[in-house]
Structure formats: structure tokens, C-alpha cells
């Protein structure tokens, strides 16, 4: 499901227009992004938890040239599914 389909699903379930639904979806994504930036974690009970994790710097190999290269440290977002989501999928 892409963003367009998500907006259409929200519009269908809430009775909002697609424009209003798009603004609502954008607002949720923006709020989650801010929460991850400020607190490093966003928990949605029953759905799951998004968390920022640090990845250490490491050495790798360029698959095309086979030359060694240095991969710098960075932050990445991880997701752990909640119990209700797991139960629904399984």
C-alpha cells in the first residue's frame, strides 16, 4: 500500500475528503518524525514501536569494484510490531 492508497482508505473510513485525509496523513507522519527526532521513540499501543538506533561505523567492500571502503556511523529507524498487529497478521 502506498501513500495514495492510504489516503483513500482514510477518506473511505472517516468520510473526510481526500484532501483532508491527505493533510491528516501528512500531519501524522510529521508528528511521528518530530517524535523520533526529539525522543528517539514513538510507541503506538497495539500497533508497534518505531525507534532510532545507532549503527556503528564499519568497513565494507564495494560490490562492483571489490575495493574496500569505510561506511560511516549513522542513525536508522527500526520498527517492532505490537501484539495486536502480530495477532491480526497471523
PDB file of N, CA and C in Angstrom:
ATOM      1  N   UNK A   1       0.854  -1.179   0.000  1.00  0.00           N
ATOM      2  CA  UNK A   1       0.000   0.000   0.000  1.00  0.00           C
ATOM      3  C   UNK A   1       0.890   1.229   0.000  1.00  0.00           C
ATOM      4  N   UNK A   2       0.623   2.128  -0.887  1.00  0.00           N
ATOM      5  CA  UNK A   2       1.355   3.381  -0.953  1.00  0.00           C
ATOM      6  C   UNK A   2       0.594   4.491  -0.253  1.00  0.00           C
ATOM      7  N   UNK A   3       1.167   5.678  -0.272  1.00  0.00           N
ATOM      8  CA  UNK A   3       0.545   6.811   0.416  1.00  0.00           C
ATOM      9  C   UNK A   3      -0.816   7.144  -0.193  1.00  0.00           C
ATOM     10  N   UNK A   4      -0.925   7.075  -1.526  1.00  0.00           N
ATOM     11  CA  UNK A   4      -2.194   7.388  -2.187  1.00  0.00           C
ATOM     12  C   UNK A   4      -3.294   6.433  -1.726  1.00  0.00           C
ATOM     13  N   UNK A   5      -2.973   5.145  -1.662  1.00  0.00           N
ATOM     14  CA  UNK A   5      -3.962   4.172  -1.212  1.00  0.00           C
ATOM     15  C   UNK A   5      -4.299   4.372   0.267  1.00  0.00           C
ATOM     16  N   UNK A   6      -3.304   4.771   1.064  1.00  0.00           N
ATOM     17  CA  UNK A   6      -3.551   5.051   2.475  1.00  0.00           C
ATOM     18  C   UNK A   6      -4.506   6.233   2.629  1.00  0.00           C
ATOM     19  N   UNK A   7      -4.285   7.285   1.866  1.00  0.00           N
ATOM     20  CA  UNK A   7      -5.165   8.460   1.913  1.00  0.00           C
ATOM     21  C   UNK A   7      -6.577   8.070   1.497  1.00  0.00           C
ATOM     22  N   UNK A   8      -6.707   7.256   0.456  1.00  0.00           N
ATOM     23  CA  UNK A   8      -8.035   6.817   0.006  1.00  0.00           C
ATOM     24  C   UNK A   8      -8.727   5.973   1.074  1.00  0.00           C
ATOM     25  N   UNK A   9      -7.978   5.104   1.754  1.00  0.00           N
ATOM     26  CA  UNK A   9      -8.551   4.273   2.805  1.00  0.00           C
ATOM     27  C   UNK A   9      -9.017   5.121   3.984  1.00  0.00           C
ATOM     28  N   UNK A  10      -8.221   6.120   4.360  1.00  0.00           N
ATOM     29  CA  UNK A  10      -8.607   7.020   5.455  1.00  0.00           C
ATOM     30  C   UNK A  10      -9.862   7.797   5.064  1.00  0.00           C
ATOM     31  N   UNK A  11      -9.912   8.277   3.838  1.00  0.00           N
ATOM     32  CA  UNK A  11     -11.083   9.018   3.370  1.00  0.00           C
ATOM     33  C   UNK A  11     -12.330   8.131   3.402  1.00  0.00           C
ATOM     34  N   UNK A  12     -12.193   6.886   2.979  1.00  0.00           N
ATOM     35  CA  UNK A  12     -13.340   5.977   2.955  1.00  0.00           C
ATOM     36  C   UNK A  12     -13.832   5.643   4.358  1.00  0.00           C
ATOM     37  N   UNK A  13     -12.905   5.458   5.304  1.00  0.00           N
ATOM     38  CA  UNK A  13     -13.297   5.057   6.660  1.00  0.00           C
ATOM     39  C   UNK A  13     -13.808   6.223   7.508  1.00  0.00           C
ATOM     40  N   UNK A  14     -13.335   7.447   7.215  1.00  0.00           N
ATOM     41  CA  UNK A  14     -13.706   8.589   8.050  1.00  0.00           C
ATOM     42  C   UNK A  14     -14.770   9.486   7.436  1.00  0.00           C
ATOM     43  N   UNK A  15     -14.979   9.380   6.136  1.00  0.00           N
ATOM     44  CA  UNK A  15     -15.928  10.268   5.479  1.00  0.00           C
ATOM     45  C   UNK A  15     -15.331  11.625   5.143  1.00  0.00           C
ATOM     46  N   UNK A  16     -14.032  11.789   5.378  1.00  0.00           N
ATOM     47  CA  UNK A  16     -13.355  13.038   5.018  1.00  0.00           C
ATOM     48  C   UNK A  16     -13.085  13.062   3.516  1.00  0.00           C
ATOM     49  N   UNK A  17     -12.827  14.252   3.002  1.00  0.00           N
ATOM     50  CA  UNK A  17     -12.427  14.344   1.602  1.00  0.00           C
ATOM     51  C   UNK A  17     -11.006  13.810   1.468  1.00  0.00           C
ATOM     52  N   UNK A  18     -10.608  13.515   0.238  1.00  0.00           N
ATOM     53  CA  UNK A  18      -9.247  13.020   0.024  1.00  0.00           C
ATOM     54  C   UNK A  18      -8.223  14.087   0.395  1.00  0.00           C
ATOM     55  N   UNK A  19      -8.544  15.352   0.155  1.00  0.00           N
ATOM     56  CA  UNK A  19      -7.628  16.438   0.504  1.00  0.00           C
ATOM     57  C   UNK A  19      -7.447  16.520   2.019  1.00  0.00           C
ATOM     58  N   UNK A  20      -8.554  16.426   2.760  1.00  0.00           N
ATOM     59  CA  UNK A  20      -8.473  16.461   4.225  1.00  0.00           C
ATOM     60  C   UNK A  20      -7.746  15.228   4.760  1.00  0.00           C
ATOM     61  N   UNK A  21      -8.005  14.088   4.146  1.00  0.00           N
ATOM     62  CA  UNK A  21      -7.327  12.859   4.556  1.00  0.00           C
ATOM     63  C   UNK A  21      -5.831  12.948   4.291  1.00  0.00           C
ATOM     64  N   UNK A  22      -5.448  13.528   3.158  1.00  0.00           N
ATOM     65  CA  UNK A  22      -4.023  13.693   2.837  1.00  0.00           C
ATOM     66  C   UNK A  22      -3.346  14.588   3.862  1.00  0.00           C
ATOM     67  N   UNK A  23      -4.026  15.660   4.270  1.00  0.00           N
ATOM     68  CA  UNK A  23      -3.468  16.549   5.291  1.00  0.00           C
ATOM     69  C   UNK A  23      -3.338  15.822   6.629  1.00  0.00           C
ATOM     70  N   UNK A  24      -4.315  14.991   6.962  1.00  0.00           N
ATOM     71  CA  UNK A  24      -4.267  14.233   8.216  1.00  0.00           C
ATOM     72  C   UNK A  24      -3.118  13.225   8.190  1.00  0.00           C
ATOM     73  N   UNK A  25      -2.959  12.511   7.099  1.00  0.00           N
ATOM     74  CA  UNK A  25      -1.872  11.538   6.980  1.00  0.00           C
ATOM     75  C   UNK A  25      -0.522  12.249   7.057  1.00  0.00           C
ATOM     76  N   UNK A  26      -0.392  13.372   6.354  1.00  0.00           N
ATOM     77  CA  UNK A  26       0.855  14.146   6.404  1.00  0.00           C
ATOM     78  C   UNK A  26       1.145  14.626   7.818  1.00  0.00           C
ATOM     79  N   UNK A  27       0.104  15.051   8.540  1.00  0.00           N
ATOM     80  CA  UNK A  27       0.284  15.527   9.914  1.00  0.00           C
ATOM     81  C   UNK A  27       0.750  14.403  10.829  1.00  0.00           C
ATOM     82  N   UNK A  28       0.212  13.204  10.639  1.00  0.00           N
ATOM     83  CA  UNK A  28       0.629  12.054  11.452  1.00  0.00           C
ATOM     84  C   UNK A  28       2.093  11.733  11.180  1.00  0.00           C
ATOM     85  N   UNK A  29       2.475  11.696   9.899  1.00  0.00           N
ATOM     86  CA  UNK A  29       3.873  11.408   9.554  1.00  0.00           C
ATOM     87  C   UNK A  29       4.813  12.472  10.113  1.00  0.00           C
ATOM     88  N   UNK A  30       4.405  13.726  10.034  1.00  0.00           N
ATOM     89  CA  UNK A  30       5.229  14.819  10.554  1.00  0.00           C
ATOM     90  C   UNK A  30       5.381  14.715  12.072  1.00  0.00           C
ATOM     91  N   UNK A  31       4.295  14.399  12.761  1.00  0.00           N
ATOM     92  CA  UNK A  31       4.343  14.262  14.221  1.00  0.00           C
ATOM     93  C   UNK A  31       5.229  13.085  14.620  1.00  0.00           C
ATOM     94  N   UNK A  32       5.150  11.990  13.878  1.00  0.00           N
ATOM     95  CA  UNK A  32       5.996  10.834  14.180  1.00  0.00           C
ATOM     96  C   UNK A  32       7.468  11.160  13.945  1.00  0.00           C
ATOM     97  N   UNK A  33       7.748  11.882  12.871  1.00  0.00           N
ATOM     98  CA  UNK A  33       9.124  12.282  12.572  1.00  0.00           C
ATOM     99  C   UNK A  33       9.678  13.164  13.677  1.00  0.00           C
ATOM    100  N   UNK A  34       8.885  14.122  14.137  1.00  0.00           N
ATOM    101  CA  UNK A  34       9.318  15.001  15.226  1.00  0.00           C
ATOM    102  C   UNK A  34       9.544  14.206  16.512  1.00  0.00           C
ATOM    103  N   UNK A  35       8.657  13.256  16.794  1.00  0.00           N
ATOM    104  CA  UNK A  35       8.814  12.413  17.981  1.00  0.00           C
ATOM    105  C   UNK A  35      10.095  11.600  17.926  1.00  0.00           C
ATOM    106  N   UNK A  36      10.427  11.071  16.754  1.00  0.00           N
ATOM    107  CA  UNK A  36      11.666  10.310  16.605  1.00  0.00           C
ATOM    108  C   UNK A  36      12.889  11.203  16.756  1.00  0.00           C
ATOM    109  N   UNK A  37      12.800  12.437  16.229  1.00  0.00           N
ATOM    110  CA  UNK A  37      13.925  13.360  16.346  1.00  0.00           C
ATOM    111  C   UNK A  37      14.154  13.798  17.791  1.00  0.00           C
ATOM    112  N   UNK A  38      13.069  14.092  18.505  1.00  0.00           N
ATOM    113  CA  UNK A  38      13.186  14.611  19.862  1.00  0.00           C
ATOM    114  C   UNK A  38      13.426  13.520  20.905  1.00  0.00           C
ATOM    115  N   UNK A  39      12.627  12.464  20.859  1.00  0.00           N
ATOM    116  CA  UNK A  39      12.661  11.458  21.911  1.00  0.00           C
ATOM    117  C   UNK A  39      13.316  10.151  21.484  1.00  0.00           C
ATOM    118  N   UNK A  40      13.475   9.946  20.183  1.00  0.00           N
ATOM    119  CA  UNK A  40      14.092   8.724  19.696  1.00  0.00           C
ATOM    120  C   UNK A  40      13.178   7.515  19.683  1.00  0.00           C
ATOM    121  N   UNK A  41      11.879   7.737  19.973  1.00  0.00           N
ATOM    122  CA  UNK A  41      10.959   6.612  20.053  1.00  0.00           C
ATOM    123  C   UNK A  41       9.520   7.094  19.897  1.00  0.00           C
ATOM    124  N   UNK A  42       8.710   6.329  19.156  1.00  0.00           N
ATOM    125  CA  UNK A  42       7.278   6.593  19.037  1.00  0.00           C
ATOM    126  C   UNK A  42       6.567   5.267  19.232  1.00  0.00           C
ATOM    127  N   UNK A  43       5.738   5.183  20.274  1.00  0.00           N
ATOM    128  CA  UNK A  43       5.012   3.949  20.579  1.00  0.00           C
ATOM    129  C   UNK A  43       3.526   4.130  20.288  1.00  0.00           C
ATOM    130  N   UNK A  44       2.987   3.225  19.505  1.00  0.00           N
ATOM    131  CA  UNK A  44       1.561   3.207  19.211  1.00  0.00           C
ATOM    132  C   UNK A  44       1.033   1.886  19.773  1.00  0.00           C
ATOM    133  N   UNK A  45       0.372   1.966  20.915  1.00  0.00           N
ATOM    134  CA  UNK A  45      -0.051   0.770  21.650  1.00  0.00           C
ATOM    135  C   UNK A  45      -0.890  -0.134  20.743  1.00  0.00           C
ATOM    136  N   UNK A  46      -0.506  -1.397  20.695  1.00  0.00           N
ATOM    137  CA  UNK A  46      -1.204  -2.375  19.881  1.00  0.00           C
ATOM    138  C   UNK A  46      -0.685  -2.459  18.456  1.00  0.00           C
ATOM    139  N   UNK A  47      -0.128  -1.374  17.951  1.00  0.00           N
ATOM    140  CA  UNK A  47       0.392  -1.364  16.576  1.00  0.00           C
ATOM    141  C   UNK A  47       1.875  -1.677  16.547  1.00  0.00           C
ATOM    142  N   UNK A  48       2.657  -0.885  17.296  1.00  0.00           N
ATOM    143  CA  UNK A  48       4.090  -1.148  17.336  1.00  0.00           C
ATOM    144  C   UNK A  48       4.882   0.053  17.811  1.00  0.00           C
ATOM    145  N   UNK A  49       6.201  -0.095  17.780  1.00  0.00           N
ATOM    146  CA  UNK A  49       7.102   0.947  18.249  1.00  0.00           C
ATOM    147  C   UNK A  49       8.155   1.242  17.192  1.00  0.00           C
ATOM    148  N   UNK A  50       8.286   2.520  16.871  1.00  0.00           N
ATOM    149  CA  UNK A  50       9.347   2.994  15.993  1.00  0.00           C
ATOM    150  C   UNK A  50      10.437   3.542  16.901  1.00  0.00           C
ATOM    151  N   UNK A  51      11.692   3.190  16.643  1.00  0.00           N
ATOM    152  CA  UNK A  51      12.791   3.657  17.477  1.00  0.00           C
ATOM    153  C   UNK A  51      14.001   3.989  16.606  1.00  0.00           C
ATOM    154  N   UNK A  52      14.778   4.968  17.057  1.00  0.00           N
ATOM    155  CA  UNK A  52      16.013   5.338  16.376  1.00  0.00           C
ATOM    156  C   UNK A  52      17.137   4.512  16.988  1.00  0.00           C
ATOM    157  N   UNK A  53      17.902   3.852  16.140  1.00  0.00           N
ATOM    158  CA  UNK A  53      19.034   3.054  16.600  1.00  0.00           C
ATOM    159  C   UNK A  53      20.300   3.552  15.920  1.00  0.00           C
ATOM    160  N   UNK A  54      21.392   3.523  16.671  1.00  0.00           N
ATOM    161  CA  UNK A  54      22.675   3.953  16.123  1.00  0.00           C
ATOM    162  C   UNK A  54      23.378   2.764  15.478  1.00  0.00           C
ATOM    163  N   UNK A  55      23.901   2.988  14.290  1.00  0.00           N
ATOM    164  CA  UNK A  55      24.706   1.977  13.616  1.00  0.00           C
ATOM    165  C   UNK A  55      26.152   2.431  13.652  1.00  0.00           C
ATOM    166  N   UNK A  56      27.034   1.575  14.087  1.00  0.00           N
ATOM    167  CA  UNK A  56      28.447   1.915  14.214  1.00  0.00           C
ATOM    168  C   UNK A  56      29.095   1.991  12.824  1.00  0.00           C
ATOM    169  N   UNK A  57      30.188   2.734  12.770  1.00  0.00           N
ATOM    170  CA  UNK A  57      30.971   2.796  11.536  1.00  0.00           C
ATOM    171  C   UNK A  57      31.586   1.423  11.289  1.00  0.00           C
ATOM    172  N   UNK A  58      31.763   1.088  10.023  1.00  0.00           N
ATOM    173  CA  UNK A  58      32.341  -0.210   9.704  1.00  0.00           C
ATOM    174  C   UNK A  58      33.022  -0.159   8.348  1.00  0.00           C
ATOM    175  N   UNK A  59      33.818  -1.162   8.078  1.00  0.00           N
ATOM    176  CA  UNK A  59      34.477  -1.279   6.791  1.00  0.00           C
ATOM    177  C   UNK A  59      33.679  -2.242   5.929  1.00  0.00           C
ATOM    178  N   UNK A  60      33.558  -1.913   4.654  1.00  0.00           N
ATOM    179  CA  UNK A  60      32.815  -2.754   3.732  1.00  0.00           C
ATOM    180  C   UNK A  60      33.577  -2.903   2.432  1.00  0.00           C
ATOM    181  N   UNK A  61      32.948  -3.539   1.470  1.00  0.00           N
ATOM    182  CA  UNK A  61      33.544  -3.749   0.158  1.00  0.00           C
ATOM    183  C   UNK A  61      32.553  -3.299  -0.898  1.00  0.00           C
ATOM    184  N   UNK A  62      33.027  -2.499  -1.845  1.00  0.00           N
ATOM    185  CA  UNK A  62      32.202  -2.077  -2.971  1.00  0.00           C
ATOM    186  C   UNK A  62      31.944  -3.313  -3.835  1.00  0.00           C
ATOM    187  N   UNK A  63      30.684  -3.716  -4.016  1.00  0.00           N
ATOM    188  CA  UNK A  63      30.407  -4.947  -4.756  1.00  0.00           C
ATOM    189  C   UNK A  63      30.779  -4.879  -6.238  1.00  0.00           C
ATOM    190  N   UNK A  64      30.842  -3.675  -6.800  1.00  0.00           N
ATOM    191  CA  UNK A  64      31.191  -3.553  -8.215  1.00  0.00           C
ATOM    192  C   UNK A  64      32.695  -3.615  -8.449  1.00  0.00           C
ATOM    193  N   UNK A  65      33.444  -2.877  -7.631  1.00  0.00           N
ATOM    194  CA  UNK A  65      34.893  -2.784  -7.851  1.00  0.00           C
ATOM    195  C   UNK A  65      35.694  -3.683  -6.925  1.00  0.00           C
ATOM    196  N   UNK A  66      35.047  -4.229  -5.914  1.00  0.00           N
ATOM    197  CA  UNK A  66      35.692  -5.085  -4.895  1.00  0.00           C
ATOM    198  C   UNK A  66      36.730  -4.326  -4.064  1.00  0.00           C
ATOM    199  N   UNK A  67      36.676  -3.008  -4.112  1.00  0.00           N
ATOM    200  CA  UNK A  67      37.601  -2.194  -3.325  1.00  0.00           C
ATOM    201  C   UNK A  67      37.027  -1.983  -1.930  1.00  0.00           C
ATOM    202  N   UNK A  68      37.891  -1.970  -0.909  1.00  0.00           N
ATOM    203  CA  UNK A  68      37.405  -1.696   0.450  1.00  0.00           C
ATOM    204  C   UNK A  68      36.969  -0.236   0.579  1.00  0.00           C
ATOM    205  N   UNK A  69      35.979  -0.004   1.429  1.00  0.00           N
ATOM    206  CA  UNK A  69      35.533   1.358   1.685  1.00  0.00           C
ATOM    207  C   UNK A  69      35.072   1.460   3.124  1.00  0.00           C
ATOM    208  N   UNK A  70      35.048   2.687   3.623  1.00  0.00           N
ATOM    209  CA  UNK A  70      34.616   2.937   5.007  1.00  0.00           C
ATOM    210  C   UNK A  70      33.170   3.409   4.984  1.00  0.00           C
ATOM    211  N   UNK A  71      32.332   2.762   5.776  1.00  0.00           N
ATOM    212  CA  UNK A  71      30.925   3.143   5.905  1.00  0.00           C
ATOM    213  C   UNK A  71      30.790   3.889   7.227  1.00  0.00           C
ATOM    214  N   UNK A  72      30.429   5.178   7.189  1.00  0.00           N
ATOM    215  CA  UNK A  72      30.374   5.978   8.422  1.00  0.00           C
ATOM    216  C   UNK A  72      29.214   5.570   9.340  1.00  0.00           C
ATOM    217  N   UNK A  73      29.318   5.948  10.591  1.00  0.00           N
ATOM    218  CA  UNK A  73      28.252   5.701  11.569  1.00  0.00           C
ATOM    219  C   UNK A  73      27.026   6.513  11.165  1.00  0.00           C
ATOM    220  N   UNK A  74      25.854   5.972  11.467  1.00  0.00           N
ATOM    221  CA  UNK A  74      24.615   6.694  11.162  1.00  0.00           C
ATOM    222  C   UNK A  74      23.501   6.195  12.065  1.00  0.00           C
ATOM    223  N   UNK A  75      22.384   6.897  12.000  1.00  0.00           N
ATOM    224  CA  UNK A  75      21.194   6.503  12.746  1.00  0.00           C
ATOM    225  C   UNK A  75      20.192   5.909  11.762  1.00  0.00           C
ATOM    226  N   UNK A  76      19.448   4.919  12.215  1.00  0.00           N
ATOM    227  CA  UNK A  76      18.426   4.282  11.390  1.00  0.00           C
ATOM    228  C   UNK A  76      17.173   4.061  12.227  1.00  0.00           C
ATOM    229  N   UNK A  77      16.028   4.020  11.573  1.00  0.00           N
ATOM    230  CA  UNK A  77      14.760   3.799  12.259  1.00  0.00           C
ATOM    231  C   UNK A  77      14.412   2.319  12.181  1.00  0.00           C
ATOM    232  N   UNK A  78      14.047   1.761  13.324  1.00  0.00           N
ATOM    233  CA  UNK A  78      13.613   0.362  13.366  1.00  0.00           C
ATOM    234  C   UNK A  78      12.155   0.320  13.812  1.00  0.00           C
ATOM    235  N   UNK A  79      11.492  -0.784  13.500  1.00  0.00           N
ATOM    236  CA  UNK A  79      10.094  -0.959  13.875  1.00  0.00           C
ATOM    237  C   UNK A  79       9.918  -2.323  14.513  1.00  0.00           C
ATOM    238  N   UNK A  80       9.240  -2.350  15.645  1.00  0.00           N
ATOM    239  CA  UNK A  80       8.904  -3.608  16.303  1.00  0.00           C
ATOM    240  C   UNK A  80       7.383  -3.671  16.396  1.00  0.00           C
ATOM    241  N   UNK A  81       6.796  -4.674  15.781  1.00  0.00           N
ATOM    242  CA  UNK A  81       5.344  -4.806  15.735  1.00  0.00           C
ATOM    243  C   UNK A  81       4.771  -5.100  17.113  1.00  0.00           C
ATOM    244  N   UNK A  82       3.591  -4.537  17.385  1.00  0.00           N
ATOM    245  CA  UNK A  82       2.894  -4.767  18.639  1.00  0.00           C
ATOM    246  C   UNK A  82       2.094  -6.057  18.597  1.00  0.00           C
ATOM    247  N   UNK A  83       1.604  -6.467  19.734  1.00  0.00           N
ATOM    248  CA  UNK A  83       0.908  -7.753  19.847  1.00  0.00           C
ATOM    249  C   UNK A  83      -0.370  -7.801  19.011  1.00  0.00           C
ATOM    250  N   UNK A  84      -1.161  -6.737  18.993  1.00  0.00           N
ATOM    251  CA  UNK A  84      -2.408  -6.747  18.222  1.00  0.00           C
ATOM    252  C   UNK A  84      -2.124  -6.847  16.725  1.00  0.00           C
ATOM    253  N   UNK A  85      -1.099  -6.154  16.264  1.00  0.00           N
ATOM    254  CA  UNK A  85      -0.723  -6.222  14.855  1.00  0.00           C
ATOM    255  C   UNK A  85      -0.252  -7.625  14.493  1.00  0.00           C
ATOM    256  N   UNK A  86       0.572  -8.206  15.344  1.00  0.00           N
ATOM    257  CA  UNK A  86       1.055  -9.574  15.108  1.00  0.00           C
ATOM    258  C   UNK A  86      -0.102 -10.562  15.058  1.00  0.00           C
ATOM    259  N   UNK A  87      -1.040 -10.422  15.998  1.00  0.00           N
ATOM    260  CA  UNK A  87      -2.195 -11.328  16.039  1.00  0.00           C
ATOM    261  C   UNK A  87      -3.066 -11.164  14.795  1.00  0.00           C
ATOM    262  N   UNK A  88      -3.240  -9.950  14.325  1.00  0.00           N
ATOM    263  CA  UNK A  88      -4.066  -9.692  13.149  1.00  0.00           C
ATOM    264  C   UNK A  88      -3.451 -10.295  11.896  1.00  0.00           C
ATOM    265  N   UNK A  89      -2.132 -10.167  11.772  1.00  0.00           N
ATOM    266  CA  UNK A  89      -1.444 -10.686  10.593  1.00  0.00           C
ATOM    267  C   UNK A  89      -1.392 -12.204  10.609  1.00  0.00           C
ATOM    268  N   UNK A  90      -1.192 -12.771  11.778  1.00  0.00           N
ATOM    269  CA  UNK A  90      -1.098 -14.232  11.875  1.00  0.00           C
ATOM    270  C   UNK A  90      -2.482 -14.798  12.040  1.00  0.00           C
TER     271      UNK A  90
END
